[in-house]
């Protein structure tokens, strides 16, 4: 029987604490907002942050990366950690979208250009979900 190393014990402890943290966060979110706020983005943010922590820790990660499986023929595919980090970046762009930004002003510099705002907001949201639809299926273990 193999003896568990100190490093493995530490990683297991971090893994359990991480799962407890996100479980608590989800419970709090559901208690406060569900069913009144039907915002999938809020749940999505928690999931993506969990993925980042999970794949960064690397404990209990069983599946190989797509790029490491010869049968998939995708040597340049991003790792699940890279996917999660990119999703977080895209989510933050979407979540922090500011329609009052100066680039959305009309030519007079005073009024907001609603078409520019709508186009930019749609583009930001589309980038996030297009990337998720492209790589979301790889976020399993």
N, C-alpha and C. Protein backbone atom coordinates (compact mmCIF):
# COMPACT_ATOMS: atom_id res chain seq x y z
N UNK A 1 0.84 -1.18 0.00
CA UNK A 1 0.00 0.00 0.00
C UNK A 1 0.88 1.24 0.00
N UNK A 2 0.55 2.20 -0.88
CA UNK A 2 1.34 3.42 -0.98
C UNK A 2 0.99 4.38 0.13
N UNK A 3 2.02 4.98 0.67
CA UNK A 3 1.83 5.96 1.73
C UNK A 3 1.57 7.33 1.09
N UNK A 4 0.59 8.05 1.63
CA UNK A 4 0.25 9.37 1.12
C UNK A 4 1.32 10.36 1.59
N UNK A 5 1.85 11.12 0.63
CA UNK A 5 2.90 12.09 0.96
C UNK A 5 2.29 13.33 1.60
N UNK A 6 3.14 14.09 2.20
CA UNK A 6 2.72 15.35 2.84
C UNK A 6 2.13 16.30 1.80
N UNK A 7 2.74 16.34 0.62
CA UNK A 7 2.25 17.20 -0.45
C UNK A 7 0.85 16.79 -0.89
N UNK A 8 0.62 15.48 -1.01
CA UNK A 8 -0.71 14.99 -1.41
C UNK A 8 -1.76 15.33 -0.35
N UNK A 9 -1.38 15.21 0.92
CA UNK A 9 -2.31 15.57 2.01
C UNK A 9 -2.67 17.05 1.94
N UNK A 10 -1.66 17.88 1.68
CA UNK A 10 -1.90 19.32 1.59
C UNK A 10 -2.81 19.64 0.41
N UNK A 11 -2.54 19.02 -0.74
CA UNK A 11 -3.39 19.26 -1.91
C UNK A 11 -4.82 18.79 -1.68
N UNK A 12 -4.97 17.64 -1.02
CA UNK A 12 -6.31 17.14 -0.72
C UNK A 12 -7.05 18.12 0.20
N UNK A 13 -6.34 18.66 1.18
CA UNK A 13 -6.94 19.64 2.09
C UNK A 13 -7.37 20.89 1.32
N UNK A 14 -6.49 21.39 0.44
CA UNK A 14 -6.82 22.56 -0.38
C UNK A 14 -8.01 22.26 -1.29
N UNK A 15 -8.03 21.07 -1.85
CA UNK A 15 -9.12 20.65 -2.73
C UNK A 15 -10.45 20.65 -1.98
N UNK A 16 -10.47 20.07 -0.80
CA UNK A 16 -11.70 20.02 0.00
C UNK A 16 -12.14 21.42 0.43
N UNK A 17 -11.20 22.27 0.81
CA UNK A 17 -11.53 23.64 1.19
C UNK A 17 -12.08 24.43 0.00
N UNK A 18 -11.48 24.21 -1.16
CA UNK A 18 -11.94 24.89 -2.37
C UNK A 18 -13.38 24.48 -2.69
N UNK A 19 -13.66 23.18 -2.65
CA UNK A 19 -15.02 22.72 -2.94
C UNK A 19 -16.01 23.25 -1.92
N UNK A 20 -15.62 23.29 -0.67
CA UNK A 20 -16.48 23.82 0.38
C UNK A 20 -16.78 25.30 0.14
N UNK A 21 -15.76 26.05 -0.27
CA UNK A 21 -15.91 27.49 -0.55
C UNK A 21 -16.94 27.72 -1.65
N UNK A 22 -16.81 26.98 -2.76
CA UNK A 22 -17.73 27.20 -3.88
C UNK A 22 -19.13 26.67 -3.60
N UNK A 23 -19.22 25.61 -2.85
CA UNK A 23 -20.53 25.09 -2.45
C UNK A 23 -21.25 26.12 -1.59
N UNK A 24 -20.52 26.73 -0.66
CA UNK A 24 -21.09 27.76 0.21
C UNK A 24 -21.52 28.97 -0.61
N UNK A 25 -20.69 29.34 -1.58
CA UNK A 25 -21.01 30.49 -2.43
C UNK A 25 -22.27 30.23 -3.25
N UNK A 26 -22.40 29.02 -3.78
CA UNK A 26 -23.60 28.68 -4.55
C UNK A 26 -24.85 28.67 -3.68
N UNK A 27 -24.73 28.10 -2.48
CA UNK A 27 -25.87 28.08 -1.57
C UNK A 27 -26.32 29.50 -1.23
N UNK A 28 -25.36 30.37 -0.97
CA UNK A 28 -25.68 31.76 -0.64
C UNK A 28 -26.37 32.45 -1.82
N UNK A 29 -25.84 32.22 -3.01
CA UNK A 29 -26.42 32.81 -4.21
C UNK A 29 -27.86 32.35 -4.41
N UNK A 30 -28.09 31.06 -4.28
CA UNK A 30 -29.44 30.52 -4.46
C UNK A 30 -30.38 31.07 -3.40
N UNK A 31 -29.91 31.13 -2.18
CA UNK A 31 -30.73 31.63 -1.08
C UNK A 31 -31.13 33.09 -1.30
N UNK A 32 -30.20 33.90 -1.81
CA UNK A 32 -30.47 35.33 -1.98
C UNK A 32 -31.25 35.67 -3.24
N UNK A 33 -30.96 34.97 -4.34
CA UNK A 33 -31.50 35.41 -5.62
C UNK A 33 -32.51 34.49 -6.28
N UNK A 34 -32.37 33.21 -6.09
CA UNK A 34 -33.24 32.28 -6.80
C UNK A 34 -34.59 32.20 -6.12
N UNK A 35 -35.70 32.18 -6.76
CA UNK A 35 -35.95 32.19 -8.20
C UNK A 35 -36.17 33.59 -8.77
N UNK A 36 -35.87 34.61 -7.99
CA UNK A 36 -36.19 35.98 -8.40
C UNK A 36 -35.27 36.53 -9.46
N UNK A 37 -34.02 36.16 -9.43
CA UNK A 37 -33.06 36.63 -10.42
C UNK A 37 -32.61 35.44 -11.25
N UNK A 38 -33.07 35.40 -12.46
CA UNK A 38 -32.77 34.26 -13.34
C UNK A 38 -31.54 34.56 -14.20
N UNK A 39 -30.45 34.92 -13.56
CA UNK A 39 -29.25 35.31 -14.28
C UNK A 39 -28.26 34.15 -14.34
N UNK A 40 -28.17 33.52 -15.49
CA UNK A 40 -27.25 32.41 -15.65
C UNK A 40 -25.80 32.87 -15.49
N UNK A 41 -25.56 34.14 -15.79
CA UNK A 41 -24.20 34.65 -15.73
C UNK A 41 -23.63 34.58 -14.32
N UNK A 42 -24.45 34.75 -13.31
CA UNK A 42 -23.97 34.71 -11.94
C UNK A 42 -23.48 33.31 -11.59
N UNK A 43 -24.23 32.31 -11.97
CA UNK A 43 -23.81 30.93 -11.74
C UNK A 43 -22.57 30.61 -12.58
N UNK A 44 -22.54 31.15 -13.78
CA UNK A 44 -21.43 30.92 -14.70
C UNK A 44 -20.12 31.42 -14.10
N UNK A 45 -20.14 32.59 -13.51
CA UNK A 45 -18.94 33.17 -12.90
C UNK A 45 -18.40 32.26 -11.80
N UNK A 46 -19.27 31.74 -10.97
CA UNK A 46 -18.83 30.83 -9.90
C UNK A 46 -18.21 29.57 -10.51
N UNK A 47 -18.84 29.02 -11.53
CA UNK A 47 -18.32 27.82 -12.16
C UNK A 47 -16.95 28.05 -12.76
N UNK A 48 -16.76 29.16 -13.44
CA UNK A 48 -15.48 29.45 -14.09
C UNK A 48 -14.38 29.68 -13.05
N UNK A 49 -14.69 30.39 -11.99
CA UNK A 49 -13.69 30.59 -10.92
C UNK A 49 -13.32 29.25 -10.28
N UNK A 50 -14.30 28.37 -10.14
CA UNK A 50 -14.02 27.04 -9.59
C UNK A 50 -13.08 26.27 -10.53
N UNK A 51 -13.36 26.31 -11.83
CA UNK A 51 -12.49 25.64 -12.79
C UNK A 51 -11.05 26.14 -12.69
N UNK A 52 -10.90 27.45 -12.59
CA UNK A 52 -9.54 28.01 -12.50
C UNK A 52 -8.83 27.47 -11.27
N UNK A 53 -9.50 27.50 -10.14
CA UNK A 53 -8.89 26.98 -8.91
C UNK A 53 -8.62 25.48 -9.01
N UNK A 54 -9.58 24.75 -9.55
CA UNK A 54 -9.48 23.29 -9.65
C UNK A 54 -8.31 22.87 -10.54
N UNK A 55 -8.25 23.45 -11.74
CA UNK A 55 -7.19 23.06 -12.66
C UNK A 55 -5.84 23.65 -12.26
N UNK A 56 -5.83 24.76 -11.55
CA UNK A 56 -4.57 25.31 -11.03
C UNK A 56 -4.00 24.40 -9.94
N UNK A 57 -4.87 23.93 -9.07
CA UNK A 57 -4.43 23.03 -8.00
C UNK A 57 -3.96 21.70 -8.58
N UNK A 58 -4.70 21.18 -9.54
CA UNK A 58 -4.30 19.95 -10.20
C UNK A 58 -4.55 18.68 -9.40
N UNK A 59 -5.25 18.78 -8.29
CA UNK A 59 -5.54 17.61 -7.48
C UNK A 59 -6.84 16.98 -7.92
N UNK A 60 -6.85 15.67 -8.08
CA UNK A 60 -8.02 14.90 -8.47
C UNK A 60 -8.44 15.18 -9.92
N UNK A 61 -7.52 15.70 -10.72
CA UNK A 61 -7.76 15.90 -12.15
C UNK A 61 -7.35 14.62 -12.85
N UNK A 62 -8.31 13.93 -13.41
CA UNK A 62 -8.05 12.60 -13.95
C UNK A 62 -7.89 12.56 -15.47
N UNK A 63 -8.64 13.36 -16.18
CA UNK A 63 -8.62 13.28 -17.64
C UNK A 63 -7.39 13.97 -18.22
N UNK A 64 -6.99 13.49 -19.38
CA UNK A 64 -5.88 14.11 -20.11
C UNK A 64 -6.39 15.36 -20.82
N UNK A 65 -5.46 16.24 -21.11
CA UNK A 65 -5.80 17.41 -21.92
C UNK A 65 -6.01 16.97 -23.36
N UNK A 66 -6.89 17.64 -24.07
CA UNK A 66 -7.19 17.31 -25.46
C UNK A 66 -5.92 17.28 -26.30
N UNK A 67 -5.04 18.24 -26.09
CA UNK A 67 -3.82 18.31 -26.91
C UNK A 67 -2.87 17.14 -26.65
N UNK A 68 -3.04 16.44 -25.53
CA UNK A 68 -2.17 15.32 -25.18
C UNK A 68 -2.72 13.97 -25.63
N UNK A 69 -3.87 13.96 -26.28
CA UNK A 69 -4.48 12.71 -26.76
C UNK A 69 -4.27 12.63 -28.27
N UNK A 70 -3.38 11.75 -28.71
CA UNK A 70 -3.04 11.69 -30.15
C UNK A 70 -4.25 11.46 -31.06
N UNK A 71 -5.23 10.71 -30.59
CA UNK A 71 -6.40 10.40 -31.41
C UNK A 71 -7.21 11.66 -31.76
N UNK A 72 -7.12 12.70 -30.95
CA UNK A 72 -7.88 13.92 -31.20
C UNK A 72 -7.20 14.82 -32.23
N UNK A 73 -5.92 14.63 -32.45
CA UNK A 73 -5.16 15.41 -33.44
C UNK A 73 -5.31 16.92 -33.24
N UNK A 74 -5.20 17.35 -32.00
CA UNK A 74 -5.31 18.78 -31.69
C UNK A 74 -4.14 19.21 -30.80
N UNK A 75 -2.92 19.19 -31.34
CA UNK A 75 -1.76 19.52 -30.51
C UNK A 75 -1.73 20.97 -30.04
N UNK A 76 -2.47 21.86 -30.70
CA UNK A 76 -2.48 23.27 -30.31
C UNK A 76 -3.70 23.66 -29.49
N UNK A 77 -4.49 22.68 -29.09
CA UNK A 77 -5.70 22.96 -28.30
C UNK A 77 -5.30 23.55 -26.95
N UNK A 78 -6.09 24.50 -26.44
CA UNK A 78 -5.77 25.05 -25.13
C UNK A 78 -6.05 24.03 -24.02
N UNK A 79 -5.34 24.17 -22.92
CA UNK A 79 -5.61 23.32 -21.76
C UNK A 79 -6.91 23.78 -21.11
N UNK A 80 -7.44 22.97 -20.23
CA UNK A 80 -8.67 23.37 -19.53
C UNK A 80 -8.43 24.58 -18.65
N UNK A 81 -7.25 24.70 -18.08
CA UNK A 81 -6.93 25.89 -17.28
C UNK A 81 -6.88 27.13 -18.17
N UNK A 82 -6.29 27.01 -19.35
CA UNK A 82 -6.26 28.14 -20.28
C UNK A 82 -7.66 28.51 -20.74
N UNK A 83 -8.49 27.52 -20.97
CA UNK A 83 -9.89 27.78 -21.35
C UNK A 83 -10.60 28.53 -20.23
N UNK A 84 -10.44 28.04 -19.01
CA UNK A 84 -11.10 28.68 -17.86
C UNK A 84 -10.64 30.12 -17.68
N UNK A 85 -9.35 30.36 -17.82
CA UNK A 85 -8.84 31.74 -17.67
C UNK A 85 -9.37 32.65 -18.77
N UNK A 86 -9.45 32.14 -19.98
CA UNK A 86 -9.98 32.93 -21.08
C UNK A 86 -11.47 33.21 -20.86
N UNK A 87 -12.20 32.22 -20.39
CA UNK A 87 -13.62 32.43 -20.08
C UNK A 87 -13.78 33.49 -19.00
N UNK A 88 -12.92 33.47 -18.00
CA UNK A 88 -12.99 34.48 -16.93
C UNK A 88 -12.73 35.87 -17.49
N UNK A 89 -11.74 35.97 -18.36
CA UNK A 89 -11.43 37.26 -18.99
C UNK A 89 -12.62 37.77 -19.81
N UNK A 90 -13.19 36.89 -20.62
CA UNK A 90 -14.34 37.27 -21.44
C UNK A 90 -15.56 37.59 -20.59
N UNK A 91 -15.75 36.82 -19.52
CA UNK A 91 -16.87 37.09 -18.62
C UNK A 91 -16.71 38.46 -17.96
N UNK A 92 -15.50 38.77 -17.50
CA UNK A 92 -15.25 40.06 -16.86
C UNK A 92 -15.49 41.21 -17.83
N UNK A 93 -15.09 41.05 -19.11
CA UNK A 93 -15.37 42.08 -20.12
C UNK A 93 -16.87 42.30 -20.26
N UNK A 94 -17.60 41.21 -20.27
CA UNK A 94 -19.06 41.28 -20.39
C UNK A 94 -19.70 41.86 -19.13
N UNK A 95 -19.29 41.35 -17.98
CA UNK A 95 -19.88 41.77 -16.71
C UNK A 95 -19.55 43.23 -16.36
N UNK A 96 -18.39 43.69 -16.77
CA UNK A 96 -17.97 45.06 -16.45
C UNK A 96 -18.23 46.03 -17.60
N UNK A 97 -19.07 45.63 -18.53
CA UNK A 97 -19.39 46.49 -19.66
C UNK A 97 -19.95 47.81 -19.15
N UNK A 98 -19.40 48.91 -19.63
CA UNK A 98 -19.80 50.23 -19.16
C UNK A 98 -20.36 51.05 -20.32
N UNK A 99 -21.68 51.19 -20.39
CA UNK A 99 -22.27 51.95 -21.49
C UNK A 99 -22.00 53.45 -21.40
N UNK A 100 -21.49 53.92 -20.28
CA UNK A 100 -21.20 55.35 -20.14
C UNK A 100 -19.77 55.70 -20.56
N UNK A 101 -19.06 54.72 -21.07
CA UNK A 101 -17.70 54.91 -21.54
C UNK A 101 -17.69 55.99 -22.64
N UNK A 102 -16.64 56.78 -22.68
CA UNK A 102 -16.54 57.88 -23.65
C UNK A 102 -16.63 57.40 -25.10
N UNK A 103 -16.19 56.17 -25.38
CA UNK A 103 -16.22 55.69 -26.77
C UNK A 103 -17.63 55.49 -27.29
N UNK A 104 -18.62 55.54 -26.41
CA UNK A 104 -20.01 55.37 -26.83
C UNK A 104 -20.75 56.70 -26.96
N UNK A 105 -20.02 57.79 -26.91
CA UNK A 105 -20.63 59.11 -27.07
C UNK A 105 -20.86 59.40 -28.55
N UNK A 106 -21.89 60.18 -28.82
CA UNK A 106 -22.15 60.58 -30.20
C UNK A 106 -21.10 61.62 -30.60
N UNK A 107 -21.16 62.07 -31.82
CA UNK A 107 -20.16 63.01 -32.31
C UNK A 107 -20.14 64.32 -31.52
N UNK A 108 -21.24 64.69 -30.92
CA UNK A 108 -21.24 65.93 -30.13
C UNK A 108 -20.55 65.75 -28.77
N UNK A 109 -20.22 64.51 -28.42
CA UNK A 109 -19.50 64.24 -27.18
C UNK A 109 -20.36 64.29 -25.94
N UNK A 110 -21.62 64.57 -26.09
CA UNK A 110 -22.51 64.70 -24.94
C UNK A 110 -23.46 63.52 -24.83
N UNK A 111 -24.12 63.21 -25.93
CA UNK A 111 -25.14 62.18 -25.93
C UNK A 111 -24.54 60.79 -26.15
N UNK A 112 -25.22 59.79 -25.61
CA UNK A 112 -24.80 58.41 -25.82
C UNK A 112 -25.34 57.91 -27.15
N UNK A 113 -24.52 57.14 -27.84
CA UNK A 113 -24.92 56.54 -29.10
C UNK A 113 -25.42 55.13 -28.79
N UNK A 114 -26.73 54.98 -28.73
CA UNK A 114 -27.32 53.71 -28.31
C UNK A 114 -26.99 52.56 -29.27
N UNK A 115 -26.84 52.85 -30.54
CA UNK A 115 -26.49 51.79 -31.48
C UNK A 115 -25.08 51.26 -31.20
N UNK A 116 -24.15 52.16 -30.91
CA UNK A 116 -22.79 51.73 -30.56
C UNK A 116 -22.80 50.90 -29.28
N UNK A 117 -23.59 51.32 -28.32
CA UNK A 117 -23.68 50.60 -27.04
C UNK A 117 -24.24 49.20 -27.26
N UNK A 118 -25.35 49.11 -27.98
CA UNK A 118 -25.97 47.81 -28.23
C UNK A 118 -25.03 46.89 -29.00
N UNK A 119 -24.37 47.43 -30.02
CA UNK A 119 -23.44 46.61 -30.82
C UNK A 119 -22.28 46.11 -29.97
N UNK A 120 -21.70 46.99 -29.17
CA UNK A 120 -20.55 46.60 -28.34
C UNK A 120 -20.96 45.60 -27.26
N UNK A 121 -22.12 45.82 -26.67
CA UNK A 121 -22.60 44.91 -25.63
C UNK A 121 -22.87 43.52 -26.23
N UNK A 122 -23.53 43.50 -27.38
CA UNK A 122 -23.82 42.23 -28.04
C UNK A 122 -22.52 41.52 -28.41
N UNK A 123 -21.55 42.27 -28.93
CA UNK A 123 -20.26 41.68 -29.33
C UNK A 123 -19.55 41.08 -28.11
N UNK A 124 -19.57 41.78 -26.99
CA UNK A 124 -18.92 41.30 -25.77
C UNK A 124 -19.58 40.01 -25.29
N UNK A 125 -20.89 39.98 -25.29
CA UNK A 125 -21.64 38.80 -24.86
C UNK A 125 -21.42 37.64 -25.83
N UNK A 126 -21.43 37.94 -27.11
CA UNK A 126 -21.24 36.92 -28.14
C UNK A 126 -19.85 36.29 -28.04
N UNK A 127 -18.83 37.11 -27.82
CA UNK A 127 -17.47 36.57 -27.67
C UNK A 127 -17.40 35.57 -26.52
N UNK A 128 -18.03 35.91 -25.40
CA UNK A 128 -18.04 35.03 -24.23
C UNK A 128 -18.71 33.70 -24.56
N UNK A 129 -19.91 33.75 -25.06
CA UNK A 129 -20.66 32.52 -25.27
C UNK A 129 -20.18 31.73 -26.49
N UNK A 130 -19.65 32.41 -27.50
CA UNK A 130 -19.05 31.67 -28.62
C UNK A 130 -17.85 30.86 -28.15
N UNK A 131 -17.02 31.47 -27.30
CA UNK A 131 -15.86 30.76 -26.78
C UNK A 131 -16.31 29.60 -25.90
N UNK A 132 -17.32 29.84 -25.08
CA UNK A 132 -17.84 28.76 -24.24
C UNK A 132 -18.39 27.61 -25.09
N UNK A 133 -19.15 27.93 -26.13
CA UNK A 133 -19.70 26.88 -26.98
C UNK A 133 -18.61 26.12 -27.72
N UNK A 134 -17.52 26.81 -28.03
CA UNK A 134 -16.42 26.16 -28.72
C UNK A 134 -15.66 25.20 -27.80
N UNK A 135 -15.43 25.60 -26.54
CA UNK A 135 -14.58 24.81 -25.65
C UNK A 135 -15.28 24.25 -24.41
N UNK A 136 -16.51 24.63 -24.18
CA UNK A 136 -17.20 24.18 -22.97
C UNK A 136 -17.29 22.68 -22.81
N UNK A 137 -17.37 21.97 -23.91
CA UNK A 137 -17.45 20.52 -23.86
C UNK A 137 -16.18 19.86 -23.34
N UNK A 138 -15.09 20.59 -23.33
CA UNK A 138 -13.83 20.04 -22.84
C UNK A 138 -13.66 20.25 -21.34
N UNK A 139 -14.56 20.97 -20.71
CA UNK A 139 -14.44 21.30 -19.30
C UNK A 139 -15.08 20.22 -18.44
N UNK A 140 -14.52 19.04 -18.50
CA UNK A 140 -15.01 17.91 -17.71
C UNK A 140 -13.81 17.19 -17.15
N UNK A 141 -14.08 16.38 -16.18
CA UNK A 141 -13.00 15.58 -15.62
C UNK A 141 -13.55 14.32 -14.97
